[in-house]
Amino acid sequence: MLKERIAELLLDIEAVFLSPNKPFTWASGIKSPIYCDNRLILTSENERDIVEQAIAETVKQEFPEADILMGTATAGIAHAAIAAHLLHLPMGYVRSSNKDHGRQNKIEGRIKAGQKTVIIEDLISTGGSVMQSVSALEEAGIEVLGIISIFTYKMKKAEETFKKNSLKVLSLSDIDTVCKVATQKNLIEEQDVEKILAFRDNPKDESWFRND
C-alpha cells in the first residue's frame, strides 16, 4: 500500500512523468519513457511530509541500529536532513567527488569510524552513484547498513550490483508500481506499460519506441 500511495503522490505532483510516445533524453543520451525529478517533493508541503515520514519510519523499522543518516549529493541531502530531524539523528552527506578547495572533503559532516549509517537517495537508476557513496563511507570506516530511495527504476544492472555487494536496498516506490497506478488513473494505456517495462529491462535498446 505504501508503494502505491507514494506512486500516486509522485504522479500527482509530476515528480514522476510518463511519456512513452515522446521519450525524454537523459544526460547520458539514453531515450526514456519516464522522467523523475524528486526535487519537486520539496516544494509540495503535504506530499513532502508523507515522503519524509515514510523514510523515517523505514529507517526506524528496517535499520533501528542506525546512528547517522547520510544523504547523496545533491538531491538526497534535503531528504536525509528532514528524516534525520524526525528521528533525532545526526546526518551528513557524500559528494560525487572531493571538493577542489579547503579540506577537499568528499564526506561532509562529523563522522567517526565504527558508526552505522543508512544512505538516503532520491532516485536509483543504474546504481552507480550510490555505490560511489557506499565505497567512500566504507573507506572512512563507516558501516553502511543499507540504502533507502524514494524511487527506483528497478534496472537489472542496479539490482545485480546491490546483490553482489550484499546491500539491503529499499525504495518507497518503483517503476512497476508507478505503471500500475498510472494505468488505474488513465494516465497511460496498457500498451504503454509494455514500452516502459521494456525500457526498464534494457535501457540501451531503443526498439521499445522505434517500433510503434
N, C-alpha and C. Protein backbone atom coordinates (compact mmCIF):
# COMPACT_ATOMS: atom_id res chain seq x y z
N MET A 1 0.82 -1.21 0.00
CA MET A 1 0.00 0.00 0.00
C MET A 1 0.86 1.26 0.00
N LEU A 2 1.97 1.24 0.73
CA LEU A 2 2.84 2.41 0.77
C LEU A 2 3.38 2.71 -0.62
N LYS A 3 3.82 1.67 -1.34
CA LYS A 3 4.38 1.90 -2.67
C LYS A 3 3.35 2.54 -3.60
N GLU A 4 2.10 2.11 -3.50
CA GLU A 4 1.06 2.68 -4.35
C GLU A 4 0.74 4.12 -3.93
N ARG A 5 0.75 4.36 -2.64
CA ARG A 5 0.47 5.72 -2.15
C ARG A 5 1.55 6.68 -2.61
N ILE A 6 2.80 6.26 -2.51
CA ILE A 6 3.91 7.11 -2.94
C ILE A 6 3.89 7.28 -4.45
N ALA A 7 3.57 6.22 -5.18
CA ALA A 7 3.49 6.31 -6.64
C ALA A 7 2.43 7.33 -7.06
N GLU A 8 1.27 7.28 -6.43
CA GLU A 8 0.21 8.23 -6.77
C GLU A 8 0.64 9.66 -6.44
N LEU A 9 1.29 9.82 -5.32
CA LEU A 9 1.79 11.13 -4.91
C LEU A 9 2.78 11.68 -5.94
N LEU A 10 3.72 10.85 -6.36
CA LEU A 10 4.73 11.29 -7.32
C LEU A 10 4.11 11.65 -8.66
N LEU A 11 3.11 10.91 -9.06
CA LEU A 11 2.41 11.22 -10.32
C LEU A 11 1.60 12.50 -10.20
N ASP A 12 0.95 12.69 -9.06
CA ASP A 12 0.09 13.87 -8.87
C ASP A 12 0.88 15.18 -8.95
N ILE A 13 2.09 15.17 -8.38
CA ILE A 13 2.88 16.41 -8.39
C ILE A 13 3.85 16.44 -9.57
N GLU A 14 3.76 15.41 -10.43
CA GLU A 14 4.58 15.27 -11.63
C GLU A 14 6.08 15.20 -11.29
N ALA A 15 6.39 14.65 -10.12
CA ALA A 15 7.77 14.33 -9.81
C ALA A 15 8.21 13.15 -10.68
N VAL A 16 7.25 12.29 -11.00
CA VAL A 16 7.45 11.25 -11.99
C VAL A 16 6.49 11.54 -13.15
N PHE A 17 7.07 11.64 -14.34
CA PHE A 17 6.26 11.99 -15.51
C PHE A 17 6.47 10.92 -16.57
N LEU A 18 5.36 10.39 -17.10
CA LEU A 18 5.43 9.32 -18.09
C LEU A 18 5.11 9.87 -19.49
N SER A 19 5.97 9.52 -20.44
CA SER A 19 5.77 9.96 -21.82
C SER A 19 6.27 8.88 -22.77
N PRO A 20 5.55 7.75 -22.84
CA PRO A 20 6.03 6.61 -23.64
C PRO A 20 6.05 6.85 -25.14
N ASN A 21 5.30 7.85 -25.62
CA ASN A 21 5.25 8.10 -27.06
C ASN A 21 6.13 9.26 -27.50
N LYS A 22 6.66 9.99 -26.56
CA LYS A 22 7.59 11.08 -26.85
C LYS A 22 8.67 11.06 -25.77
N PRO A 23 9.63 10.17 -25.92
CA PRO A 23 10.60 9.92 -24.86
C PRO A 23 11.49 11.12 -24.52
N PHE A 24 11.93 11.12 -23.27
CA PHE A 24 12.89 12.10 -22.80
C PHE A 24 14.30 11.62 -23.17
N THR A 25 15.24 12.54 -23.24
CA THR A 25 16.63 12.17 -23.45
C THR A 25 17.41 12.50 -22.18
N TRP A 26 17.98 11.48 -21.57
CA TRP A 26 18.78 11.68 -20.37
C TRP A 26 20.13 12.28 -20.73
N ALA A 27 20.85 12.77 -19.73
CA ALA A 27 22.18 13.35 -19.95
C ALA A 27 23.12 12.35 -20.60
N SER A 28 22.90 11.07 -20.34
CA SER A 28 23.73 10.01 -20.92
C SER A 28 23.42 9.76 -22.38
N GLY A 29 22.32 10.36 -22.87
CA GLY A 29 21.89 10.14 -24.24
C GLY A 29 20.82 9.07 -24.38
N ILE A 30 20.54 8.35 -23.30
CA ILE A 30 19.53 7.29 -23.33
C ILE A 30 18.14 7.89 -23.49
N LYS A 31 17.33 7.27 -24.35
CA LYS A 31 15.94 7.68 -24.52
C LYS A 31 15.09 6.98 -23.47
N SER A 32 14.27 7.75 -22.78
CA SER A 32 13.49 7.18 -21.67
C SER A 32 12.03 7.60 -21.74
N PRO A 33 11.10 6.66 -21.46
CA PRO A 33 9.67 6.98 -21.44
C PRO A 33 9.23 7.56 -20.09
N ILE A 34 10.19 7.73 -19.19
CA ILE A 34 9.85 8.18 -17.84
C ILE A 34 10.91 9.16 -17.36
N TYR A 35 10.45 10.19 -16.67
CA TYR A 35 11.39 11.17 -16.12
C TYR A 35 11.03 11.39 -14.66
N CYS A 36 12.05 11.41 -13.83
CA CYS A 36 11.83 11.56 -12.39
C CYS A 36 12.59 12.77 -11.86
N ASP A 37 11.89 13.66 -11.18
CA ASP A 37 12.51 14.83 -10.54
C ASP A 37 11.94 14.95 -9.14
N ASN A 38 12.55 14.24 -8.21
CA ASN A 38 12.03 14.22 -6.84
C ASN A 38 12.31 15.51 -6.07
N ARG A 39 13.01 16.47 -6.69
CA ARG A 39 13.16 17.77 -6.05
C ARG A 39 11.80 18.46 -5.90
N LEU A 40 10.87 18.09 -6.76
CA LEU A 40 9.53 18.69 -6.69
C LEU A 40 8.81 18.34 -5.39
N ILE A 41 9.23 17.27 -4.76
CA ILE A 41 8.63 16.89 -3.48
C ILE A 41 8.86 17.99 -2.45
N LEU A 42 10.01 18.61 -2.50
CA LEU A 42 10.38 19.60 -1.50
C LEU A 42 9.51 20.84 -1.55
N THR A 43 8.91 21.12 -2.71
CA THR A 43 8.06 22.31 -2.84
C THR A 43 6.57 21.98 -2.71
N SER A 44 6.28 20.77 -2.29
CA SER A 44 4.89 20.35 -2.08
C SER A 44 4.76 19.90 -0.63
N GLU A 45 4.26 20.81 0.22
CA GLU A 45 4.34 20.58 1.67
C GLU A 45 3.70 19.28 2.14
N ASN A 46 2.47 19.02 1.73
CA ASN A 46 1.77 17.83 2.21
C ASN A 46 2.45 16.55 1.73
N GLU A 47 2.81 16.55 0.45
CA GLU A 47 3.47 15.38 -0.11
C GLU A 47 4.85 15.17 0.51
N ARG A 48 5.53 16.28 0.77
CA ARG A 48 6.84 16.18 1.41
C ARG A 48 6.73 15.53 2.79
N ASP A 49 5.70 15.93 3.55
CA ASP A 49 5.52 15.34 4.88
C ASP A 49 5.33 13.83 4.80
N ILE A 50 4.54 13.39 3.83
CA ILE A 50 4.27 11.96 3.67
C ILE A 50 5.56 11.20 3.34
N VAL A 51 6.32 11.74 2.39
CA VAL A 51 7.56 11.08 1.96
C VAL A 51 8.58 11.02 3.09
N GLU A 52 8.79 12.15 3.78
CA GLU A 52 9.81 12.17 4.82
C GLU A 52 9.43 11.29 6.01
N GLN A 53 8.14 11.26 6.36
CA GLN A 53 7.69 10.36 7.41
C GLN A 53 7.91 8.91 7.01
N ALA A 54 7.68 8.62 5.72
CA ALA A 54 7.87 7.25 5.23
C ALA A 54 9.34 6.85 5.29
N ILE A 55 10.22 7.77 4.93
CA ILE A 55 11.65 7.48 5.03
C ILE A 55 12.04 7.23 6.48
N ALA A 56 11.59 8.11 7.37
CA ALA A 56 11.92 7.98 8.79
C ALA A 56 11.40 6.66 9.36
N GLU A 57 10.17 6.29 9.02
CA GLU A 57 9.59 5.05 9.53
C GLU A 57 10.33 3.84 8.98
N THR A 58 10.78 3.92 7.74
CA THR A 58 11.52 2.80 7.15
C THR A 58 12.87 2.62 7.86
N VAL A 59 13.53 3.74 8.16
CA VAL A 59 14.78 3.66 8.92
C VAL A 59 14.52 3.01 10.28
N LYS A 60 13.48 3.47 10.95
CA LYS A 60 13.17 3.00 12.29
C LYS A 60 12.86 1.49 12.30
N GLN A 61 12.10 1.05 11.30
CA GLN A 61 11.67 -0.35 11.26
C GLN A 61 12.75 -1.29 10.73
N GLU A 62 13.45 -0.85 9.68
CA GLU A 62 14.38 -1.75 9.00
C GLU A 62 15.83 -1.62 9.46
N PHE A 63 16.18 -0.44 9.98
CA PHE A 63 17.57 -0.20 10.38
C PHE A 63 17.60 0.49 11.76
N PRO A 64 17.03 -0.14 12.78
CA PRO A 64 16.93 0.52 14.09
C PRO A 64 18.29 0.82 14.72
N GLU A 65 19.35 0.14 14.28
CA GLU A 65 20.67 0.36 14.86
C GLU A 65 21.42 1.54 14.23
N ALA A 66 20.82 2.19 13.22
CA ALA A 66 21.48 3.33 12.56
C ALA A 66 21.70 4.46 13.56
N ASP A 67 22.91 5.04 13.53
CA ASP A 67 23.16 6.17 14.41
C ASP A 67 23.52 7.45 13.66
N ILE A 68 23.47 7.40 12.31
CA ILE A 68 23.63 8.60 11.50
C ILE A 68 23.03 8.32 10.11
N LEU A 69 22.44 9.34 9.49
CA LEU A 69 21.95 9.22 8.12
C LEU A 69 22.88 10.00 7.21
N MET A 70 23.09 9.46 6.01
CA MET A 70 23.93 10.14 5.03
C MET A 70 23.16 10.31 3.73
N GLY A 71 23.05 11.55 3.28
CA GLY A 71 22.40 11.82 2.01
C GLY A 71 23.41 11.77 0.87
N THR A 72 22.90 11.64 -0.35
CA THR A 72 23.76 11.70 -1.52
C THR A 72 23.62 13.08 -2.15
N ALA A 73 24.75 13.64 -2.55
CA ALA A 73 24.71 14.98 -3.16
C ALA A 73 24.25 14.88 -4.61
N THR A 74 23.34 15.81 -5.02
CA THR A 74 22.79 16.81 -4.12
C THR A 74 21.34 16.48 -3.72
N ALA A 75 20.70 15.69 -4.54
CA ALA A 75 19.26 15.50 -4.39
C ALA A 75 18.86 14.76 -3.11
N GLY A 76 19.76 13.96 -2.57
CA GLY A 76 19.39 13.21 -1.37
C GLY A 76 19.62 13.96 -0.07
N ILE A 77 20.29 15.10 -0.15
CA ILE A 77 20.68 15.82 1.07
C ILE A 77 19.48 16.28 1.88
N ALA A 78 18.55 16.97 1.22
CA ALA A 78 17.40 17.52 1.96
C ALA A 78 16.56 16.41 2.58
N HIS A 79 16.37 15.31 1.86
CA HIS A 79 15.56 14.21 2.38
C HIS A 79 16.24 13.55 3.58
N ALA A 80 17.56 13.41 3.52
CA ALA A 80 18.28 12.86 4.65
C ALA A 80 18.19 13.79 5.86
N ALA A 81 18.29 15.09 5.61
CA ALA A 81 18.25 16.06 6.70
C ALA A 81 16.89 16.06 7.40
N ILE A 82 15.82 16.02 6.63
CA ILE A 82 14.48 16.06 7.22
C ILE A 82 14.20 14.77 7.98
N ALA A 83 14.56 13.63 7.37
CA ALA A 83 14.33 12.35 8.04
C ALA A 83 15.17 12.25 9.32
N ALA A 84 16.40 12.74 9.28
CA ALA A 84 17.25 12.72 10.47
C ALA A 84 16.66 13.59 11.57
N HIS A 85 16.08 14.72 11.18
CA HIS A 85 15.42 15.60 12.16
C HIS A 85 14.26 14.87 12.83
N LEU A 86 13.47 14.16 12.04
CA LEU A 86 12.33 13.43 12.60
C LEU A 86 12.78 12.32 13.55
N LEU A 87 13.93 11.75 13.25
CA LEU A 87 14.45 10.62 14.05
C LEU A 87 15.40 11.07 15.16
N HIS A 88 15.67 12.37 15.21
CA HIS A 88 16.64 12.91 16.18
C HIS A 88 18.00 12.25 16.02
N LEU A 89 18.43 12.13 14.76
CA LEU A 89 19.73 11.55 14.44
C LEU A 89 20.61 12.60 13.75
N PRO A 90 21.92 12.46 13.87
CA PRO A 90 22.79 13.33 13.09
C PRO A 90 22.75 12.93 11.62
N MET A 91 23.20 13.83 10.75
CA MET A 91 23.26 13.49 9.33
C MET A 91 24.45 14.18 8.68
N GLY A 92 24.80 13.67 7.55
CA GLY A 92 25.83 14.27 6.72
C GLY A 92 25.51 13.93 5.28
N TYR A 93 26.46 14.20 4.40
CA TYR A 93 26.22 13.80 3.02
C TYR A 93 27.52 13.48 2.31
N VAL A 94 27.38 12.79 1.18
CA VAL A 94 28.53 12.34 0.41
C VAL A 94 28.51 13.04 -0.94
N ARG A 95 29.62 13.66 -1.28
CA ARG A 95 29.76 14.31 -2.59
C ARG A 95 30.08 13.27 -3.66
N SER A 96 29.85 13.64 -4.91
CA SER A 96 30.21 12.74 -6.01
C SER A 96 31.71 12.71 -6.21
N SER A 97 32.40 13.78 -5.77
CA SER A 97 33.86 13.83 -5.84
C SER A 97 34.36 14.76 -4.75
N ASN A 98 35.63 14.70 -4.47
CA ASN A 98 36.20 15.57 -3.44
C ASN A 98 36.12 17.04 -3.85
N LYS A 99 35.93 17.90 -2.86
CA LYS A 99 35.98 19.33 -3.13
C LYS A 99 37.36 19.69 -3.66
N ASP A 100 37.42 20.72 -4.49
CA ASP A 100 38.72 21.13 -5.04
C ASP A 100 39.36 22.25 -4.23
N HIS A 101 38.83 22.49 -3.02
CA HIS A 101 39.39 23.54 -2.19
C HIS A 101 39.21 23.17 -0.71
N GLY A 102 39.73 24.03 0.17
CA GLY A 102 39.58 23.79 1.60
C GLY A 102 40.17 22.45 2.01
N ARG A 103 39.39 21.66 2.74
CA ARG A 103 39.87 20.36 3.24
C ARG A 103 39.64 19.24 2.22
N GLN A 104 39.08 19.60 1.08
CA GLN A 104 38.88 18.65 -0.03
C GLN A 104 38.06 17.43 0.40
N ASN A 105 37.06 17.69 1.22
CA ASN A 105 36.21 16.61 1.72
C ASN A 105 35.36 15.99 0.63
N LYS A 106 35.16 14.70 0.75
CA LYS A 106 34.13 14.02 -0.05
C LYS A 106 32.92 13.72 0.82
N ILE A 107 33.18 13.49 2.10
CA ILE A 107 32.11 13.27 3.07
C ILE A 107 31.99 14.52 3.94
N GLU A 108 30.79 15.07 4.00
CA GLU A 108 30.56 16.27 4.80
C GLU A 108 29.79 15.93 6.07
N GLY A 109 30.23 16.49 7.18
CA GLY A 109 29.62 16.21 8.47
C GLY A 109 30.63 15.52 9.38
N ARG A 110 30.39 15.60 10.68
CA ARG A 110 31.31 14.97 11.63
C ARG A 110 30.98 13.49 11.74
N ILE A 111 31.93 12.67 11.33
CA ILE A 111 31.72 11.22 11.38
C ILE A 111 32.83 10.58 12.20
N LYS A 112 32.55 9.35 12.66
CA LYS A 112 33.52 8.59 13.43
C LYS A 112 33.55 7.16 12.91
N ALA A 113 34.73 6.62 12.78
CA ALA A 113 34.86 5.23 12.36
C ALA A 113 34.07 4.34 13.31
N GLY A 114 33.33 3.39 12.72
CA GLY A 114 32.53 2.49 13.53
C GLY A 114 31.06 2.86 13.56
N GLN A 115 30.73 4.06 13.10
CA GLN A 115 29.32 4.45 13.06
C GLN A 115 28.57 3.60 12.02
N LYS A 116 27.27 3.47 12.26
CA LYS A 116 26.41 2.72 11.36
C LYS A 116 25.44 3.69 10.68
N THR A 117 25.38 3.61 9.37
CA THR A 117 24.59 4.59 8.64
C THR A 117 23.64 3.95 7.64
N VAL A 118 22.64 4.72 7.26
CA VAL A 118 21.74 4.40 6.14
C VAL A 118 21.90 5.53 5.13
N ILE A 119 22.11 5.19 3.88
CA ILE A 119 22.22 6.19 2.83
C ILE A 119 20.83 6.53 2.31
N ILE A 120 20.53 7.81 2.21
CA ILE A 120 19.24 8.27 1.69
C ILE A 120 19.46 8.81 0.29
N GLU A 121 18.82 8.20 -0.68
CA GLU A 121 18.96 8.56 -2.09
C GLU A 121 17.59 8.92 -2.64
N ASP A 122 17.52 9.93 -3.49
CA ASP A 122 16.20 10.30 -4.03
C ASP A 122 15.78 9.35 -5.15
N LEU A 123 16.75 8.87 -5.93
CA LEU A 123 16.42 8.11 -7.13
C LEU A 123 17.54 7.12 -7.43
N ILE A 124 17.17 5.89 -7.80
CA ILE A 124 18.15 4.90 -8.22
C ILE A 124 17.85 4.47 -9.65
N SER A 125 18.86 4.60 -10.51
CA SER A 125 18.73 4.11 -11.88
C SER A 125 19.70 2.93 -12.05
N THR A 126 20.93 3.19 -12.46
CA THR A 126 21.90 2.09 -12.62
C THR A 126 22.56 1.71 -11.31
N GLY A 127 22.47 2.58 -10.31
CA GLY A 127 23.06 2.29 -9.00
C GLY A 127 24.51 2.75 -8.87
N GLY A 128 25.08 3.28 -9.94
CA GLY A 128 26.48 3.67 -9.92
C GLY A 128 26.82 4.76 -8.92
N SER A 129 26.00 5.81 -8.87
CA SER A 129 26.31 6.94 -8.00
C SER A 129 26.19 6.57 -6.52
N VAL A 130 25.17 5.80 -6.18
CA VAL A 130 25.01 5.43 -4.78
C VAL A 130 26.10 4.46 -4.34
N MET A 131 26.60 3.64 -5.25
CA MET A 131 27.69 2.73 -4.90
C MET A 131 28.98 3.51 -4.64
N GLN A 132 29.16 4.65 -5.30
CA GLN A 132 30.31 5.51 -5.00
C GLN A 132 30.22 6.02 -3.57
N SER A 133 28.99 6.35 -3.14
CA SER A 133 28.80 6.81 -1.76
C SER A 133 29.09 5.69 -0.78
N VAL A 134 28.65 4.50 -1.10
CA VAL A 134 28.91 3.34 -0.23
C VAL A 134 30.42 3.15 -0.06
N SER A 135 31.15 3.19 -1.17
CA SER A 135 32.60 2.98 -1.13
C SER A 135 33.29 4.05 -0.30
N ALA A 136 32.88 5.32 -0.49
CA ALA A 136 33.50 6.43 0.25
C ALA A 136 33.28 6.27 1.75
N LEU A 137 32.08 5.89 2.14
CA LEU A 137 31.77 5.73 3.56
C LEU A 137 32.51 4.54 4.17
N GLU A 138 32.55 3.45 3.44
CA GLU A 138 33.25 2.27 3.96
C GLU A 138 34.75 2.54 4.10
N GLU A 139 35.31 3.29 3.16
CA GLU A 139 36.73 3.65 3.25
C GLU A 139 37.01 4.50 4.48
N ALA A 140 35.98 5.25 4.92
CA ALA A 140 36.12 6.10 6.11
C ALA A 140 35.81 5.34 7.39
N GLY A 141 35.55 4.04 7.27
CA GLY A 141 35.29 3.22 8.45
C GLY A 141 33.85 3.21 8.92
N ILE A 142 32.94 3.68 8.06
CA ILE A 142 31.52 3.71 8.39
C ILE A 142 30.85 2.45 7.87
N GLU A 143 30.03 1.82 8.68
CA GLU A 143 29.29 0.63 8.26
C GLU A 143 27.98 1.06 7.59
N VAL A 144 27.81 0.69 6.34
CA VAL A 144 26.59 1.02 5.61
C VAL A 144 25.58 -0.11 5.81
N LEU A 145 24.54 0.17 6.57
CA LEU A 145 23.52 -0.84 6.86
C LEU A 145 22.62 -1.09 5.64
N GLY A 146 22.41 -0.04 4.87
CA GLY A 146 21.54 -0.18 3.71
C GLY A 146 21.28 1.16 3.05
N ILE A 147 20.41 1.12 2.06
CA ILE A 147 20.08 2.30 1.27
C ILE A 147 18.56 2.42 1.20
N ILE A 148 18.07 3.64 1.35
CA ILE A 148 16.64 3.90 1.14
C ILE A 148 16.52 4.95 0.05
N SER A 149 15.76 4.64 -0.98
CA SER A 149 15.50 5.62 -2.03
C SER A 149 14.00 5.91 -2.09
N ILE A 150 13.67 7.05 -2.66
CA ILE A 150 12.26 7.39 -2.85
C ILE A 150 11.69 6.62 -4.03
N PHE A 151 12.49 6.50 -5.09
CA PHE A 151 12.02 5.84 -6.30
C PHE A 151 13.16 5.08 -6.96
N THR A 152 12.85 3.94 -7.56
CA THR A 152 13.83 3.18 -8.31
C THR A 152 13.26 2.73 -9.65
N TYR A 153 14.12 2.75 -10.65
CA TYR A 153 13.74 2.24 -11.98
C TYR A 153 13.80 0.71 -12.03
N LYS A 154 14.35 0.08 -11.00
CA LYS A 154 14.48 -1.37 -10.93
C LYS A 154 15.27 -1.95 -12.10
N MET A 155 16.29 -1.23 -12.52
CA MET A 155 17.12 -1.72 -13.62
C MET A 155 17.94 -2.90 -13.16
N LYS A 156 18.11 -3.87 -14.05
CA LYS A 156 18.81 -5.10 -13.70
C LYS A 156 20.24 -4.83 -13.25
N LYS A 157 20.89 -3.87 -13.88
CA LYS A 157 22.28 -3.56 -13.53
C LYS A 157 22.39 -3.17 -12.06
N ALA A 158 21.46 -2.32 -11.62
CA ALA A 158 21.48 -1.88 -10.22
C ALA A 158 21.20 -3.05 -9.28
N GLU A 159 20.18 -3.82 -9.59
CA GLU A 159 19.80 -4.91 -8.70
C GLU A 159 20.91 -5.96 -8.60
N GLU A 160 21.61 -6.22 -9.71
CA GLU A 160 22.72 -7.17 -9.69
C GLU A 160 23.89 -6.63 -8.86
N THR A 161 24.13 -5.32 -8.99
CA THR A 161 25.21 -4.69 -8.22
C THR A 161 24.93 -4.77 -6.72
N PHE A 162 23.72 -4.45 -6.34
CA PHE A 162 23.36 -4.48 -4.92
C PHE A 162 23.44 -5.90 -4.36
N LYS A 163 23.00 -6.86 -5.14
CA LYS A 163 23.06 -8.26 -4.71
C LYS A 163 24.50 -8.72 -4.56
N LYS A 164 25.34 -8.34 -5.51
CA LYS A 164 26.75 -8.72 -5.49
C LYS A 164 27.44 -8.17 -4.24
N ASN A 165 27.02 -6.97 -3.84
CA ASN A 165 27.64 -6.32 -2.68
C ASN A 165 26.87 -6.55 -1.38
N SER A 166 25.89 -7.44 -1.42
CA SER A 166 25.10 -7.81 -0.24
C SER A 166 24.51 -6.59 0.46
N LEU A 167 23.97 -5.67 -0.35
CA LEU A 167 23.39 -4.45 0.20
C LEU A 167 21.88 -4.56 0.29
N LYS A 168 21.34 -4.14 1.42
CA LYS A 168 19.90 -4.08 1.59
C LYS A 168 19.41 -2.74 1.06
N VAL A 169 18.62 -2.77 0.00
CA VAL A 169 18.16 -1.55 -0.65
C VAL A 169 16.64 -1.54 -0.67
N LEU A 170 16.05 -0.50 -0.11
CA LEU A 170 14.60 -0.37 -0.05
C LEU A 170 14.17 0.92 -0.73
N SER A 171 13.09 0.86 -1.48
CA SER A 171 12.57 2.05 -2.16
C SER A 171 11.11 2.24 -1.80
N LEU A 172 10.74 3.50 -1.60
CA LEU A 172 9.35 3.80 -1.25
C LEU A 172 8.41 3.44 -2.38
N SER A 173 8.88 3.58 -3.62
CA SER A 173 8.08 3.17 -4.76
C SER A 173 9.01 2.81 -5.91
N ASP A 174 8.42 2.29 -7.00
CA ASP A 174 9.25 1.84 -8.11
C ASP A 174 8.48 1.95 -9.43
N ILE A 175 9.18 1.67 -10.52
CA ILE A 175 8.63 1.87 -11.85
C ILE A 175 7.41 0.97 -12.11
N ASP A 176 7.43 -0.25 -11.59
CA ASP A 176 6.30 -1.16 -11.79
C ASP A 176 5.04 -0.63 -11.11
N THR A 177 5.20 -0.13 -9.90
CA THR A 177 4.05 0.39 -9.16
C THR A 177 3.52 1.66 -9.80
N VAL A 178 4.42 2.51 -10.28
CA VAL A 178 4.00 3.73 -10.96
C VAL A 178 3.18 3.39 -12.21
N CYS A 179 3.62 2.39 -12.96
CA CYS A 179 2.87 1.97 -14.16
C CYS A 179 1.47 1.47 -13.78
N LYS A 180 1.41 0.70 -12.71
CA LYS A 180 0.12 0.17 -12.25
C LYS A 180 -0.83 1.30 -11.86
N VAL A 181 -0.33 2.24 -11.06
CA VAL A 181 -1.17 3.35 -10.60
C VAL A 181 -1.54 4.27 -11.76
N ALA A 182 -0.58 4.54 -12.65
CA ALA A 182 -0.85 5.41 -13.80
C ALA A 182 -1.92 4.82 -14.71
N THR A 183 -1.93 3.51 -14.85
CA THR A 183 -2.96 2.84 -15.65
C THR A 183 -4.32 2.98 -14.98
N GLN A 184 -4.37 2.79 -13.67
CA GLN A 184 -5.62 2.93 -12.93
C GLN A 184 -6.18 4.35 -13.03
N LYS A 185 -5.28 5.32 -13.12
CA LYS A 185 -5.69 6.72 -13.20
C LYS A 185 -5.89 7.18 -14.64
N ASN A 186 -5.79 6.24 -15.59
CA ASN A 186 -5.97 6.51 -17.02
C ASN A 186 -4.97 7.53 -17.56
N LEU A 187 -3.76 7.52 -16.98
CA LEU A 187 -2.71 8.40 -17.47
C LEU A 187 -1.96 7.77 -18.63
N ILE A 188 -1.95 6.43 -18.67
CA ILE A 188 -1.33 5.69 -19.76
C ILE A 188 -2.22 4.49 -20.10
N GLU A 189 -1.97 3.89 -21.26
CA GLU A 189 -2.69 2.71 -21.70
C GLU A 189 -1.87 1.45 -21.38
N GLU A 190 -2.54 0.30 -21.46
CA GLU A 190 -1.86 -0.96 -21.17
C GLU A 190 -0.66 -1.16 -22.09
N GLN A 191 -0.79 -0.79 -23.37
CA GLN A 191 0.34 -0.98 -24.30
C GLN A 191 1.52 -0.08 -23.95
N ASP A 192 1.22 1.03 -23.27
CA ASP A 192 2.29 1.92 -22.84
C ASP A 192 3.12 1.27 -21.74
N VAL A 193 2.47 0.48 -20.90
CA VAL A 193 3.18 -0.20 -19.82
C VAL A 193 4.24 -1.14 -20.40
N GLU A 194 3.90 -1.82 -21.49
CA GLU A 194 4.85 -2.73 -22.13
C GLU A 194 6.10 -1.98 -22.58
N LYS A 195 5.91 -0.78 -23.13
CA LYS A 195 7.06 0.03 -23.57
C LYS A 195 7.93 0.43 -22.39
N ILE A 196 7.28 0.89 -21.33
CA ILE A 196 8.02 1.38 -20.15
C ILE A 196 8.80 0.25 -19.50
N LEU A 197 8.19 -0.92 -19.39
CA LEU A 197 8.89 -2.05 -18.77
C LEU A 197 9.97 -2.62 -19.68
N ALA A 198 9.79 -2.49 -21.00
CA ALA A 198 10.85 -2.90 -21.94
C ALA A 198 12.06 -1.99 -21.75
N PHE A 199 11.81 -0.71 -21.54
CA PHE A 199 12.89 0.23 -21.25
C PHE A 199 13.59 -0.17 -19.95
N ARG A 200 12.81 -0.48 -18.93
CA ARG A 200 13.38 -0.89 -17.65
C ARG A 200 14.33 -2.07 -17.80
N ASP A 201 13.92 -3.05 -18.60
CA ASP A 201 14.69 -4.27 -18.74
C ASP A 201 15.96 -4.09 -19.56
N ASN A 202 15.95 -3.12 -20.49
CA ASN A 202 17.14 -2.88 -21.32
C ASN A 202 17.14 -1.44 -21.81
N PRO A 203 17.62 -0.50 -20.98
CA PRO A 203 17.57 0.92 -21.32
C PRO A 203 18.30 1.29 -22.61
N LYS A 204 19.31 0.50 -22.99
CA LYS A 204 20.09 0.84 -24.19
C LYS A 204 19.41 0.38 -25.48
N ASP A 205 18.41 -0.49 -25.35
CA ASP A 205 17.68 -0.97 -26.52
C ASP A 205 16.51 -0.03 -26.79
N GLU A 206 16.61 0.75 -27.88
CA GLU A 206 15.59 1.77 -28.17
C GLU A 206 14.43 1.25 -29.02
N SER A 207 14.36 -0.06 -29.22
CA SER A 207 13.30 -0.60 -30.07
C SER A 207 11.92 -0.42 -29.47
N TRP A 208 11.84 -0.18 -28.14
CA TRP A 208 10.54 -0.01 -27.49
C TRP A 208 9.76 1.18 -28.04
N PHE A 209 10.46 2.20 -28.54
CA PHE A 209 9.73 3.33 -29.12
C PHE A 209 9.94 3.47 -30.62
N ARG A 210 10.94 2.79 -31.18
CA ARG A 210 11.19 2.90 -32.62
C ARG A 210 10.30 1.97 -33.43
N ASN A 211 9.67 1.02 -32.75
CA ASN A 211 8.83 0.03 -33.47
C ASN A 211 7.35 0.25 -33.23
N ASP A 212 6.91 1.53 -33.08
CA ASP A 212 5.49 1.82 -32.88
C ASP A 212 4.69 1.35 -34.10
